[in-house]
C-alpha atoms as a PDB file:
ATOM      1  CA  MET A   1      -5.510 -21.446  -1.286  1.00  0.00           C
ATOM      2  CA  GLY A   2      -2.177 -20.599  -1.697  1.00  0.00           C
ATOM      3  CA  ALA A   3      -0.159 -17.498  -0.846  1.00  0.00           C
ATOM      4  CA  ARG A   4       0.093 -15.756  -3.651  1.00  0.00           C
ATOM      5  CA  ASP A   5      -4.195 -15.845  -3.642  1.00  0.00           C
ATOM      6  CA  ILE A   6      -3.962 -14.406  -0.499  1.00  0.00           C
ATOM      7  CA  SER A   7      -1.378 -11.490  -1.451  1.00  0.00           C
ATOM      8  CA  THR A   8      -3.641 -11.220  -4.347  1.00  0.00           C
ATOM      9  CA  GLY A   9      -6.392 -11.067  -2.260  1.00  0.00           C
ATOM     10  CA  ARG A  10      -4.912  -8.414   0.316  1.00  0.00           C
ATOM     11  CA  ALA A  11      -3.741  -6.053  -2.473  1.00  0.00           C
ATOM     12  CA  GLN A  12      -7.622  -5.826  -3.953  1.00  0.00           C
ATOM     13  CA  GLN A  13      -8.858  -5.632  -0.072  1.00  0.00           C
ATOM     14  CA  ARG A  14      -6.127  -2.583  -0.004  1.00  0.00           C
ATOM     15  CA  THR A  15      -7.588  -1.106  -3.117  1.00  0.00           C
ATOM     16  CA  ALA A  16     -10.914  -1.219  -2.448  1.00  0.00           C
ATOM     17  CA  ARG A  17     -10.133   0.387   0.939  1.00  0.00           C
ATOM     18  CA  ARG A  18      -8.642   3.152  -0.654  1.00  0.00           C
ATOM     19  CA  LEU A  19     -11.013   3.999  -3.134  1.00  0.00           C
ATOM     20  CA  LEU A  20     -13.714   3.773   0.027  1.00  0.00           C
ATOM     21  CA  GLU A  21     -11.841   6.278   1.729  1.00  0.00           C
ATOM     22  CA  ARG A  22     -11.768   8.878  -1.284  1.00  0.00           C
ATOM     23  CA  LEU A  23     -15.388   8.859  -1.304  1.00  0.00           C
ATOM     24  CA  PRO A  24     -17.176  11.484  -1.840  1.00  0.00           C
ATOM     25  CA  LEU A  25     -15.474  11.868  -5.080  1.00  0.00           C
ATOM     26  CA  ALA A  26     -14.571  15.425  -6.732  1.00  0.00           C
ATOM     27  CA  ALA A  27     -16.120  17.066  -3.686  1.00  0.00           C
ATOM     28  CA  ASP A  28     -13.459  19.895  -4.247  1.00  0.00           C
ATOM     29  CA  ARG A  29     -14.800  20.445  -7.425  1.00  0.00           C
ATOM     30  CA  PRO A  30     -18.708  20.905  -7.841  1.00  0.00           C
ATOM     31  CA  TRP A  31     -19.212  21.546 -11.589  1.00  0.00           C
ATOM     32  CA  LEU A  32     -17.543  18.471 -12.226  1.00  0.00           C
ATOM     33  CA  ALA A  33     -19.743  16.176  -9.983  1.00  0.00           C
ATOM     34  CA  LEU A  34     -22.805  18.195 -11.599  1.00  0.00           C
ATOM     35  CA  SER A  35     -21.774  17.760 -15.298  1.00  0.00           C
ATOM     36  CA  ILE A  36     -21.481  14.112 -14.424  1.00  0.00           C
ATOM     37  CA  THR A  37     -24.886  13.774 -12.097  1.00  0.00           C
ATOM     38  CA  LEU A  38     -26.571  15.368 -15.753  1.00  0.00           C
ATOM     39  CA  ALA A  39     -24.896  13.122 -17.443  1.00  0.00           C
ATOM     40  CA  CYS A  40     -25.991   9.999 -15.537  1.00  0.00           C
ATOM     41  CA  VAL A  41     -29.402  11.136 -15.491  1.00  0.00           C
ATOM     42  CA  ALA A  42     -29.977  11.963 -19.065  1.00  0.00           C
ATOM     43  CA  ILE A  43     -28.575   8.035 -20.025  1.00  0.00           C
ATOM     44  CA  ALA A  44     -30.883   7.065 -17.199  1.00  0.00           C
ATOM     45  CA  ALA A  45     -33.918   9.010 -18.726  1.00  0.00           C
ATOM     46  CA  VAL A  46     -32.870   7.791 -22.589  1.00  0.00           C
ATOM     47  CA  LEU A  47     -32.273   3.779 -21.013  1.00  0.00           C
ATOM     48  CA  ARG A  48     -36.024   4.152 -19.726  1.00  0.00           C
ATOM     49  CA  TRP A  49     -37.292   5.642 -23.135  1.00  0.00           C
ATOM     50  CA  LEU A  50     -35.530   3.076 -24.758  1.00  0.00           C
ATOM     51  CA  ALA A  51     -36.832  -0.256 -22.496  1.00  0.00           C
ATOM     52  CA  ASP A  52     -40.519   1.484 -22.237  1.00  0.00           C
ATOM     53  CA  PRO A  53     -41.751  -0.434 -25.069  1.00  0.00           C
ATOM     54  CA  LEU A  54     -40.290  -3.854 -23.412  1.00  0.00           C
ATOM     55  CA  LEU A  55     -41.687  -2.812 -19.617  1.00  0.00           C
ATOM     56  CA  PRO A  56     -45.150  -3.317 -18.889  1.00  0.00           C
ATOM     57  CA  PRO A  57     -46.663  -0.252 -16.771  1.00  0.00           C
ATOM     58  CA  GLY A  58     -45.930   0.521 -13.917  1.00  0.00           C
ATOM     59  CA  PHE A  59     -42.059   0.493 -14.049  1.00  0.00           C
ATOM     60  CA  PRO A  60     -41.587   4.531 -14.304  1.00  0.00           C
ATOM     61  CA  TYR A  61     -38.263   4.718 -12.194  1.00  0.00           C
ATOM     62  CA  VAL A  62     -36.315   0.996 -13.269  1.00  0.00           C
ATOM     63  CA  THR A  63     -33.898   2.635 -14.510  1.00  0.00           C
ATOM     64  CA  PHE A  64     -33.761   6.047 -11.854  1.00  0.00           C
ATOM     65  CA  PHE A  65     -33.691   4.017  -9.057  1.00  0.00           C
ATOM     66  CA  PRO A  66     -30.173   2.934  -9.504  1.00  0.00           C
ATOM     67  CA  THR A  67     -28.769   6.235 -11.462  1.00  0.00           C
ATOM     68  CA  VAL A  68     -29.792   7.834  -7.932  1.00  0.00           C
ATOM     69  CA  ILE A  69     -27.705   5.544  -5.633  1.00  0.00           C
ATOM     70  CA  LEU A  70     -24.775   5.464  -7.701  1.00  0.00           C
ATOM     71  CA  ILE A  71     -24.930   9.322  -7.775  1.00  0.00           C
ATOM     72  CA  ALA A  72     -25.168   8.815  -4.230  1.00  0.00           C
ATOM     73  CA  PHE A  73     -22.360   6.825  -3.612  1.00  0.00           C
ATOM     74  CA  LEU A  74     -19.819   8.364  -6.026  1.00  0.00           C
ATOM     75  CA  PHE A  75     -20.379  12.216  -5.454  1.00  0.00           C
ATOM     76  CA  GLY A  76     -22.467  12.352  -1.744  1.00  0.00           C
ATOM     77  CA  THR A  77     -25.784  13.137  -0.701  1.00  0.00           C
ATOM     78  CA  ARG A  78     -26.174  16.642  -1.909  1.00  0.00           C
ATOM     79  CA  MET A  79     -25.528  15.111  -5.858  1.00  0.00           C
ATOM     80  CA  GLY A  80     -27.921  12.548  -5.018  1.00  0.00           C
ATOM     81  CA  THR A  81     -30.437  14.472  -4.003  1.00  0.00           C
ATOM     82  CA  VAL A  82     -30.286  16.351  -7.365  1.00  0.00           C
ATOM     83  CA  ALA A  83     -30.441  13.069  -8.712  1.00  0.00           C
ATOM     84  CA  ALA A  84     -33.228  12.137  -7.412  1.00  0.00           C
ATOM     85  CA  VAL A  85     -35.364  15.451  -7.976  1.00  0.00           C
ATOM     86  CA  LEU A  86     -34.304  15.711 -11.526  1.00  0.00           C
ATOM     87  CA  CYS A  87     -35.049  11.514 -11.969  1.00  0.00           C
ATOM     88  CA  GLY A  88     -38.285  12.188 -10.152  1.00  0.00           C
ATOM     89  CA  VAL A  89     -39.358  14.776 -12.174  1.00  0.00           C
ATOM     90  CA  ILE A  90     -38.367  13.120 -15.795  1.00  0.00           C
ATOM     91  CA  ALA A  91     -40.254   9.916 -14.577  1.00  0.00           C
ATOM     92  CA  TRP A  92     -43.255  11.809 -13.555  1.00  0.00           C
ATOM     93  CA  HIS A  93     -43.568  14.107 -16.926  1.00  0.00           C
ATOM     94  CA  PHE A  94     -43.076  11.329 -19.051  1.00  0.00           C
ATOM     95  CA  PHE A  95     -43.665   7.473 -17.451  1.00  0.00           C
ATOM     96  CA  ILE A  96     -46.498   8.249 -14.874  1.00  0.00           C
ATOM     97  CA  PRO A  97     -49.960   8.650 -16.751  1.00  0.00           C
ATOM     98  CA  PRO A  98     -51.240  10.567 -17.841  1.00  0.00           C
ATOM     99  CA  ALA A  99     -47.678  10.642 -19.551  1.00  0.00           C
ATOM    100  CA  GLY A 100     -46.372  14.266 -20.924  1.00  0.00           C
ATOM    101  CA  SER A 101     -47.956  16.676 -18.500  1.00  0.00           C
ATOM    102  CA  LEU A 102     -46.993  16.800 -14.447  1.00  0.00           C
ATOM    103  CA  THR A 103     -50.848  16.653 -13.304  1.00  0.00           C
ATOM    104  CA  LEU A 104     -50.982  15.209  -9.950  1.00  0.00           C
ATOM    105  CA  THR A 105     -53.616  12.357  -9.630  1.00  0.00           C
ATOM    106  CA  ARG A 106     -53.896  10.031  -7.114  1.00  0.00           C
ATOM    107  CA  SER A 107     -52.049   7.422  -8.528  1.00  0.00           C
ATOM    108  CA  SER A 108     -49.170   9.655  -9.439  1.00  0.00           C
ATOM    109  CA  THR A 109     -49.470  11.407  -5.909  1.00  0.00           C
ATOM    110  CA  VAL A 110     -48.874   7.459  -4.387  1.00  0.00           C
ATOM    111  CA  ALA A 111     -45.852   7.297  -7.402  1.00  0.00           C
ATOM    112  CA  LEU A 112     -44.176   9.954  -6.260  1.00  0.00           C
ATOM    113  CA  LEU A 113     -44.553   9.488  -2.514  1.00  0.00           C
ATOM    114  CA  PHE A 114     -43.521   6.018  -3.313  1.00  0.00           C
ATOM    115  CA  TYR A 115     -40.633   7.239  -5.192  1.00  0.00           C
ATOM    116  CA  ALA A 116     -39.452  10.068  -2.824  1.00  0.00           C
ATOM    117  CA  PHE A 117     -39.841   7.543   0.538  1.00  0.00           C
ATOM    118  CA  VAL A 118     -37.238   4.960  -1.341  1.00  0.00           C
ATOM    119  CA  VAL A 119     -34.746   7.458  -2.624  1.00  0.00           C
ATOM    120  CA  GLY A 120     -34.682   9.228   0.678  1.00  0.00           C
ATOM    121  CA  THR A 121     -33.709   6.225   2.095  1.00  0.00           C
ATOM    122  CA  ASP A 122     -30.966   4.998   0.120  1.00  0.00           C
ATOM    123  CA  ILE A 123     -29.760   8.223   0.320  1.00  0.00           C
ATOM    124  CA  ALA A 124     -29.769   8.768   3.959  1.00  0.00           C
ATOM    125  CA  LEU A 125     -28.162   4.982   4.028  1.00  0.00           C
ATOM    126  CA  VAL A 126     -25.327   6.112   2.152  1.00  0.00           C
ATOM    127  CA  HIS A 127     -24.860   9.434   3.632  1.00  0.00           C
ATOM    128  CA  TRP A 128     -24.579   7.083   7.100  1.00  0.00           C
ATOM    129  CA  MET A 129     -22.045   4.459   5.296  1.00  0.00           C
ATOM    130  CA  GLN A 130     -19.668   7.483   3.688  1.00  0.00           C
ATOM    131  CA  ARG A 131     -19.630   9.584   7.545  1.00  0.00           C
ATOM    132  CA  ALA A 132     -19.023   6.142   9.487  1.00  0.00           C
ATOM    133  CA  ASN A 133     -16.010   5.373   6.615  1.00  0.00           C
ATOM    134  CA  ARG A 134     -14.863   8.452   6.535  1.00  0.00           C
ATOM    135  CA  LYS A 135     -15.308   8.317  10.857  1.00  0.00           C
ATOM    136  CA  LEU A 136     -13.226   4.770  10.189  1.00  0.00           C
ATOM    137  CA  GLY A 137     -10.201   6.417   7.873  1.00  0.00           C
ATOM    138  CA  ARG A 138      -9.495   9.059  10.192  1.00  0.00           C
ATOM    139  CA  GLU A 139      -8.830   6.140  13.046  1.00  0.00           C
ATOM    140  CA  ARG A 140      -7.114   3.929  11.336  1.00  0.00           C
ATOM    141  CA  GLU A 141      -4.849   7.338   9.901  1.00  0.00           C
ATOM    142  CA  LEU A 142      -4.755   7.710  14.080  1.00  0.00           C
ATOM    143  CA  SER A 143      -4.099   4.064  14.590  1.00  0.00           C
ATOM    144  CA  ARG A 144      -1.241   4.323  11.695  1.00  0.00           C
ATOM    145  CA  THR A 145       0.242   7.570  13.127  1.00  0.00           C
ATOM    146  CA  LEU A 146       0.718   5.658  16.896  1.00  0.00           C
ATOM    147  CA  ALA A 147       2.015   2.186  15.525  1.00  0.00           C
ATOM    148  CA  ASP A 148       4.464   4.481  13.634  1.00  0.00           C
ATOM    149  CA  THR A 149       5.346   6.456  16.601  1.00  0.00           C
ATOM    150  CA  ARG A 150       5.550   3.313  18.686  1.00  0.00           C
ATOM    151  CA  GLU A 151       7.693   1.725  16.019  1.00  0.00           C
ATOM    152  CA  LEU A 152       9.875   5.068  16.445  1.00  0.00           C
ATOM    153  CA  LEU A 153       9.816   4.607  20.045  1.00  0.00           C
ATOM    154  CA  PHE A 154      10.947   1.047  20.268  1.00  0.00           C
ATOM    155  CA  ASN A 155      13.635   1.602  18.186  1.00  0.00           C
ATOM    156  CA  GLU A 156      14.978   4.050  19.759  1.00  0.00           C
ATOM    157  CA  LEU A 157      14.439   2.063  22.982  1.00  0.00           C
ATOM    158  CA  GLN A 158      16.071  -0.557  21.678  1.00  0.00           C
ATOM    159  CA  HIS A 159      19.125   1.017  20.470  1.00  0.00           C
ATOM    160  CA  ARG A 160      19.795   3.239  23.420  1.00  0.00           C
ATOM    161  CA  VAL A 161      19.635  -0.692  25.375  1.00  0.00           C
ATOM    162  CA  SER A 162      21.770  -1.914  22.971  1.00  0.00           C
ATOM    163  CA  ASN A 163      24.446   1.322  23.447  1.00  0.00           C
ATOM    164  CA  ASN A 164      24.124   0.962  27.351  1.00  0.00           C
ATOM    165  CA  LEU A 165      25.446  -3.007  26.934  1.00  0.00           C
ATOM    166  CA  GLN A 166      28.337  -1.588  24.842  1.00  0.00           C
ATOM    167  CA  VAL A 167      29.356   0.653  26.692  1.00  0.00           C
ATOM    168  CA  ALA A 168      29.075  -1.727  30.169  1.00  0.00           C
ATOM    169  CA  ALA A 169      31.244  -4.437  27.596  1.00  0.00           C
ATOM    170  CA  GLY A 170      33.612  -0.917  27.223  1.00  0.00           C
ATOM    171  CA  LEU A 171      33.785  -0.712  31.178  1.00  0.00           C
ATOM    172  CA  LEU A 172      34.566  -4.279  31.908  1.00  0.00           C
ATOM    173  CA  SER A 173      37.443  -3.741  29.764  1.00  0.00           C
ATOM    174  CA  VAL A 174      38.410  -0.663  30.942  1.00  0.00           C
ATOM    175  CA  GLN A 175      37.947  -2.354  34.303  1.00  0.00           C
ATOM    176  CA  LYS A 176      40.163  -5.775  33.272  1.00  0.00           C
ATOM    177  CA  ARG A 177      43.539  -3.352  32.806  1.00  0.00           C
ATOM    178  CA  GLN A 178      43.285  -2.845  36.426  1.00  0.00           C
ATOM    179  CA  VAL A 179      43.146  -6.520  37.544  1.00  0.00           C
ATOM    180  CA  THR A 180      46.765  -8.284  37.534  1.00  0.00           C
ATOM    181  CA  ASP A 181      44.961 -11.778  38.561  1.00  0.00           C
ATOM    182  CA  LEU A 182      45.150 -13.907  35.004  1.00  0.00           C
ATOM    183  CA  GLN A 183      41.137 -15.691  35.892  1.00  0.00           C
ATOM    184  CA  ALA A 184      40.059 -12.841  36.721  1.00  0.00           C
ATOM    185  CA  ARG A 185      41.108 -11.127  33.796  1.00  0.00           C
ATOM    186  CA  ALA A 186      39.924 -13.655  31.736  1.00  0.00           C
ATOM    187  CA  ALA A 187      36.615 -13.419  33.271  1.00  0.00           C
ATOM    188  CA  LEU A 188      35.900  -9.975  33.120  1.00  0.00           C
ATOM    189  CA  ASP A 189      37.054 -10.789  28.882  1.00  0.00           C
ATOM    190  CA  GLU A 190      34.195 -13.274  28.521  1.00  0.00           C
ATOM    191  CA  ALA A 191      31.540 -10.938  30.456  1.00  0.00           C
ATOM    192  CA  ALA A 192      32.530  -7.720  27.993  1.00  0.00           C
ATOM    193  CA  ARG A 193      32.045 -10.458  25.036  1.00  0.00           C
ATOM    194  CA  ARG A 194      28.955 -11.662  26.279  1.00  0.00           C
ATOM    195  CA  LEU A 195      27.488  -8.075  26.927  1.00  0.00           C
ATOM    196  CA  GLY A 196      29.094  -6.874  23.858  1.00  0.00           C
ATOM    197  CA  LEU A 197      27.324  -9.878  21.710  1.00  0.00           C
ATOM    198  CA  ILE A 198      23.661  -9.186  23.612  1.00  0.00           C
ATOM    199  CA  GLY A 199      23.696  -5.712  22.860  1.00  0.00           C
ATOM    200  CA  ARG A 200      24.701  -6.417  18.667  1.00  0.00           C
ATOM    201  CA  ILE A 201      21.864  -9.250  18.620  1.00  0.00           C
ATOM    202  CA  SER A 202      19.683  -7.487  19.856  1.00  0.00           C
ATOM    203  CA  ARG A 203      19.455  -4.779  17.047  1.00  0.00           C
ATOM    204  CA  GLN A 204      18.546  -6.939  15.035  1.00  0.00           C
ATOM    205  CA  LEU A 205      16.550  -9.612  16.834  1.00  0.00           C
ATOM    206  CA  TYR A 206      13.791  -7.859  17.940  1.00  0.00           C
ATOM    207  CA  ASP A 207      10.737  -5.253  16.499  1.00  0.00           C
ATOM    208  CA  ALA A 208       7.520  -3.423  17.849  1.00  0.00           C
ATOM    209  CA  ALA A 209       5.243  -6.216  16.548  1.00  0.00           C
ATOM    210  CA  GLY A 210       7.185  -8.919  18.203  1.00  0.00           C
ATOM    211  CA  ALA A 211       7.678 -10.863  15.034  1.00  0.00           C
ATOM    212  CA  THR A 212       9.207 -13.624  14.324  1.00  0.00           C
ATOM    213  CA  ARG A 213      12.306 -13.618  12.285  1.00  0.00           C
ATOM    214  CA  ASN A 214      13.946 -16.058  10.135  1.00  0.00           C
ATOM    215  CA  MET A 215      17.304 -17.892  12.291  1.00  0.00           C
ATOM    216  CA  ARG A 216      19.206 -17.243   9.105  1.00  0.00           C
ATOM    217  CA  GLU A 217      18.734 -13.570   9.261  1.00  0.00           C
ATOM    218  CA  PHE A 218      20.502 -13.667  12.620  1.00  0.00           C
ATOM    219  CA  LEU A 219      23.063 -16.728  12.852  1.00  0.00           C
ATOM    220  CA  GLU A 220      25.277 -15.686   9.573  1.00  0.00           C
ATOM    221  CA  PRO A 221      26.021 -12.146  11.026  1.00  0.00           C
ATOM    222  CA  LEU A 222      26.346 -13.652  14.371  1.00  0.00           C
ATOM    223  CA  CYS A 223      29.151 -16.319  13.434  1.00  0.00           C
ATOM    224  CA  ALA A 224      30.637 -13.549  11.395  1.00  0.00           C
ATOM    225  CA  ASP A 225      30.738 -11.724  14.493  1.00  0.00           C
ATOM    226  CA  VAL A 226      31.978 -14.316  16.749  1.00  0.00           C
ATOM    227  CA  VAL A 227      35.111 -15.090  14.692  1.00  0.00           C
ATOM    228  CA  GLU A 228      35.678 -11.508  13.883  1.00  0.00           C
ATOM    229  CA  ALA A 229      36.049 -11.250  18.009  1.00  0.00           C
ATOM    230  CA  SER A 230      38.482 -13.876  17.731  1.00  0.00           C
ATOM    231  CA  GLY A 231      40.746 -12.545  15.662  1.00  0.00           C
ATOM    232  CA  ARG A 232      41.506 -15.749  13.565  1.00  0.00           C
ATOM    233  CA  THR A 233      41.596 -14.532   9.797  1.00  0.00           C
ATOM    234  CA  GLY A 234      42.210 -18.541   8.615  1.00  0.00           C
ATOM    235  CA  ILE A 235      38.384 -20.179  10.202  1.00  0.00           C
ATOM    236  CA  ARG A 236      35.376 -20.038   8.286  1.00  0.00           C
ATOM    237  CA  CYS A 237      31.968 -21.035   9.253  1.00  0.00           C
ATOM    238  CA  SER A 238      29.379 -21.681   6.892  1.00  0.00           C
ATOM    239  CA  ILE A 239      24.877 -21.977   7.604  1.00  0.00           C
ATOM    240  CA  ASP A 240      23.119 -24.136   6.999  1.00  0.00           C
ATOM    241  CA  VAL A 241      19.467 -23.461   7.908  1.00  0.00           C
ATOM    242  CA  ALA A 242      15.863 -23.869   6.025  1.00  0.00           C
ATOM    243  CA  GLU A 243      14.556 -20.509   4.995  1.00  0.00           C
ATOM    244  CA  ASP A 244      11.200 -21.148   6.733  1.00  0.00           C
ATOM    245  CA  ALA A 245      13.064 -21.886   9.933  1.00  0.00           C
ATOM    246  CA  ILE A 246      11.664 -18.880  12.594  1.00  0.00           C
ATOM    247  CA  LEU A 247      12.258 -17.890  15.727  1.00  0.00           C
ATOM    248  CA  SER A 248      10.252 -16.259  18.133  1.00  0.00           C
ATOM    249  CA  PRO A 249      12.131 -12.820  20.212  1.00  0.00           C
ATOM    250  CA  ASP A 250      11.821 -14.621  23.314  1.00  0.00           C
ATOM    251  CA  ALA A 251      13.964 -17.278  22.421  1.00  0.00           C
ATOM    252  CA  ALA A 252      16.472 -15.402  20.292  1.00  0.00           C
ATOM    253  CA  VAL A 253      18.831 -13.654  22.374  1.00  0.00           C
ATOM    254  CA  PRO A 254      19.219 -17.172  24.575  1.00  0.00           C
ATOM    255  CA  LEU A 255      19.956 -19.182  21.284  1.00  0.00           C
ATOM    256  CA  ALA A 256      22.070 -16.801  19.721  1.00  0.00           C
ATOM    257  CA  LEU A 257      24.416 -16.789  22.924  1.00  0.00           C
ATOM    258  CA  ILE A 258      24.133 -21.071  22.983  1.00  0.00           C
ATOM    259  CA  VAL A 259      25.683 -21.136  19.628  1.00  0.00           C
ATOM    260  CA  ALA A 260      28.042 -18.063  20.234  1.00  0.00           C
ATOM    261  CA  GLU A 261      29.451 -20.172  23.102  1.00  0.00           C
ATOM    262  CA  ALA A 262      29.661 -23.313  21.046  1.00  0.00           C
ATOM    263  CA  MET A 263      31.610 -21.457  18.386  1.00  0.00           C
ATOM    264  CA  SER A 264      33.932 -19.279  21.054  1.00  0.00           C
ATOM    265  CA  ASN A 265      34.645 -22.839  22.434  1.00  0.00           C
ATOM    266  CA  ALA A 266      35.339 -24.593  18.933  1.00  0.00           C
ATOM    267  CA  ILE A 267      37.873 -21.914  18.316  1.00  0.00           C
ATOM    268  CA  GLU A 268      39.234 -21.717  22.215  1.00  0.00           C
ATOM    269  CA  HIS A 269      39.634 -25.522  22.396  1.00  0.00           C
ATOM    270  CA  GLY A 270      39.307 -27.065  18.795  1.00  0.00           C
ATOM    271  CA  PHE A 271      41.762 -24.959  16.982  1.00  0.00           C
ATOM    272  CA  LYS A 272      43.893 -24.557  19.519  1.00  0.00           C
ATOM    273  CA  ASP A 273      47.886 -23.438  18.436  1.00  0.00           C
ATOM    274  CA  ARG A 274      45.708 -23.530  14.811  1.00  0.00           C
ATOM    275  CA  ASP A 275      45.402 -20.650  12.910  1.00  0.00           C
ATOM    276  CA  SER A 276      42.331 -22.083  10.231  1.00  0.00           C
ATOM    277  CA  GLY A 277      39.599 -24.086  11.007  1.00  0.00           C
ATOM    278  CA  ASN A 278      35.621 -25.328   9.708  1.00  0.00           C
ATOM    279  CA  ILE A 279      32.358 -24.462  11.997  1.00  0.00           C
ATOM    280  CA  ASP A 280      29.451 -25.763  10.276  1.00  0.00           C
ATOM    281  CA  VAL A 281      26.098 -24.470  12.019  1.00  0.00           C
ATOM    282  CA  ARG A 282      23.151 -26.572  10.908  1.00  0.00           C
ATOM    283  CA  LEU A 283      19.515 -26.570  11.617  1.00  0.00           C
ATOM    284  CA  ALA A 284      17.271 -29.538  11.203  1.00  0.00           C
ATOM    285  CA  ARG A 285      14.201 -30.920  12.443  1.00  0.00           C
ATOM    286  CA  SER A 286      13.602 -34.741  13.967  1.00  0.00           C
ATOM    287  CA  GLY A 287      10.897 -36.841  13.521  1.00  0.00           C
ATOM    288  CA  ASP A 288       9.694 -36.445  16.851  1.00  0.00           C
ATOM    289  CA  GLY A 289       9.101 -32.275  16.034  1.00  0.00           C
ATOM    290  CA  MET A 290      12.038 -31.326  17.621  1.00  0.00           C
ATOM    291  CA  VAL A 291      14.494 -28.415  16.586  1.00  0.00           C
ATOM    292  CA  ILE A 292      17.998 -29.712  16.493  1.00  0.00           C
ATOM    293  CA  VAL A 293      20.436 -26.634  15.723  1.00  0.00           C
ATOM    294  CA  GLU A 294      24.133 -28.217  15.836  1.00  0.00           C
ATOM    295  CA  VAL A 295      27.472 -26.651  15.459  1.00  0.00           C
ATOM    296  CA  ARG A 296      30.390 -28.986  14.219  1.00  0.00           C
ATOM    297  CA  ASP A 297      34.100 -28.076  14.408  1.00  0.00           C
ATOM    298  CA  ASP A 298      37.023 -30.239  12.267  1.00  0.00           C
ATOM    299  CA  GLY A 299      39.132 -29.235  15.332  1.00  0.00           C
ATOM    300  CA  HIS A 300      40.685 -31.636  18.065  1.00  0.00           C
ATOM    301  CA  GLY A 301      37.625 -32.995  19.711  1.00  0.00           C
ATOM    302  CA  LEU A 302      36.751 -33.636  22.629  1.00  0.00           C
ATOM    303  CA  ALA A 303      39.278 -35.062  25.654  1.00  0.00           C
ATOM    304  CA  GLU A 304      38.458 -39.307  26.827  1.00  0.00           C
ATOM    305  CA  GLY A 305      35.151 -38.805  29.261  1.00  0.00           C
ATOM    306  CA  PHE A 306      34.716 -35.240  28.572  1.00  0.00           C
ATOM    307  CA  SER A 307      31.241 -34.376  30.310  1.00  0.00           C
ATOM    308  CA  ILE A 308      29.663 -30.718  30.288  1.00  0.00           C
ATOM    309  CA  ASP A 309      29.044 -31.210  34.019  1.00  0.00           C
ATOM    310  CA  ALA A 310      32.565 -32.039  35.496  1.00  0.00           C
ATOM    311  CA  SER A 311      33.542 -29.006  33.111  1.00  0.00           C
ATOM    312  CA  ASP A 312      34.618 -26.290  34.859  1.00  0.00           C
ATOM    313  CA  SER A 313      33.537 -23.926  31.608  1.00  0.00           C
ATOM    314  CA  LEU A 314      31.329 -20.954  32.574  1.00  0.00           C
ATOM    315  CA  GLY A 315      30.367 -20.754  29.133  1.00  0.00           C
ATOM    316  CA  LEU A 316      29.060 -24.469  28.519  1.00  0.00           C
ATOM    317  CA  ARG A 317      27.331 -23.959  32.074  1.00  0.00           C
ATOM    318  CA  ILE A 318      25.879 -20.791  30.799  1.00  0.00           C
ATOM    319  CA  ALA A 319      24.649 -22.973  27.676  1.00  0.00           C
ATOM    320  CA  THR A 320      23.097 -25.337  29.463  1.00  0.00           C
ATOM    321  CA  MET A 321      21.168 -23.270  31.422  1.00  0.00           C
ATOM    322  CA  LEU A 322      19.769 -21.069  28.269  1.00  0.00           C
ATOM    323  CA  ALA A 323      19.037 -24.258  26.937  1.00  0.00           C
ATOM    324  CA  GLY A 324      17.040 -25.400  29.956  1.00  0.00           C
ATOM    325  CA  GLN A 325      14.857 -21.725  29.916  1.00  0.00           C
ATOM    326  CA  LEU A 326      14.247 -22.902  26.406  1.00  0.00           C
ATOM    327  CA  ASN A 327      12.604 -26.027  27.416  1.00  0.00           C
ATOM    328  CA  GLY A 328      15.569 -27.863  25.693  1.00  0.00           C
ATOM    329  CA  ARG A 329      19.319 -29.686  26.361  1.00  0.00           C
ATOM    330  CA  PHE A 330      22.548 -28.740  25.212  1.00  0.00           C
ATOM    331  CA  GLU A 331      25.020 -31.601  25.189  1.00  0.00           C
ATOM    332  CA  MET A 332      28.738 -32.353  23.542  1.00  0.00           C
ATOM    333  CA  ILE A 333      29.334 -34.338  21.254  1.00  0.00           C
ATOM    334  CA  GLY A 334      32.870 -35.822  20.196  1.00  0.00           C
ATOM    335  CA  GLY A 335      34.389 -37.770  17.623  1.00  0.00           C
ATOM    336  CA  ALA A 336      36.245 -36.409  14.260  1.00  0.00           C
ATOM    337  CA  GLY A 337      36.155 -33.230  15.708  1.00  0.00           C
ATOM    338  CA  THR A 338      33.422 -31.589  17.834  1.00  0.00           C
ATOM    339  CA  THR A 339      29.317 -31.248  17.727  1.00  0.00           C
ATOM    340  CA  ALA A 340      27.480 -29.023  20.047  1.00  0.00           C
ATOM    341  CA  ARG A 341      24.069 -29.975  19.613  1.00  0.00           C
ATOM    342  CA  LEU A 342      21.413 -27.899  20.616  1.00  0.00           C
ATOM    343  CA  VAL A 343      17.716 -29.717  20.909  1.00  0.00           C
ATOM    344  CA  LEU A 344      14.682 -27.379  21.304  1.00  0.00           C
ATOM    345  CA  PRO A 345      10.689 -27.662  20.826  1.00  0.00           C
ATOM    346  CA  ALA A 346       9.316 -26.762  17.721  1.00  0.00           C
END
């Protein structure tokens, strides 16, 4: 079954559910319901009269049973009872021997009792079904209200968390002004940048349902933020990610931080003494089912004998640690430029 068929099926289910929730119809317009009921009873009587020559004896209610059920289903038990009484009287007078009279005989009494039992059972079942459906509709509406409230509260919480992170980043930036040590100032700058980045991506990556997100949806604004924060107007960043590449919320922030660290490293070291450069962020799947995220730049490349383990870069150590939390690995590959590669389980 294709996605279109599934979507069509769900739309049909929603339409059917909305129709059922509206039953019984014309509850606030009893005269309209009564008029339709009388018309349906008349049609059932005409059809029974037309079918009489074709039917053997003993089928007086053949068109009346479905009429009563239909009326009860559409307009409720009150109109169903009206239809049941009218159909019973018509069948008794015209189609139960002796025809043309309302004489009670043993056979007509049995037939009428059988009719009363069947239509009574049908009306009762329809009534219980509609009562259960109304209760289900109220519970569904309550659940929808609770879900809306939960989403509102969740969004407000995420907004406040993001704002608090931004405030913390701002406080670190203010604190930096009172620090004269260059290394300490650089550390505060990095901490403020990372907090600000987490605050920004938390706004777009999470929702109340915990749904997965398309990786392109957050990589594009993330890369744009990193380039903008660098102040380098000549740096271009391109994204090559499959449309079906999705990411669970639990992995969102670590992956975003790793990509941001790799881009920042490329801008700071790969494009040192340069105003321009190109960064390509790509995602691919390996033959063994692993997801590979690469951040490639056309900068100066790695120094000879470079090793992440021996590097004193805090950002690269953080990227390595986060990759381990995702059960993956992070590595730097030299060559024509530098490639930061993150390998994750699919």
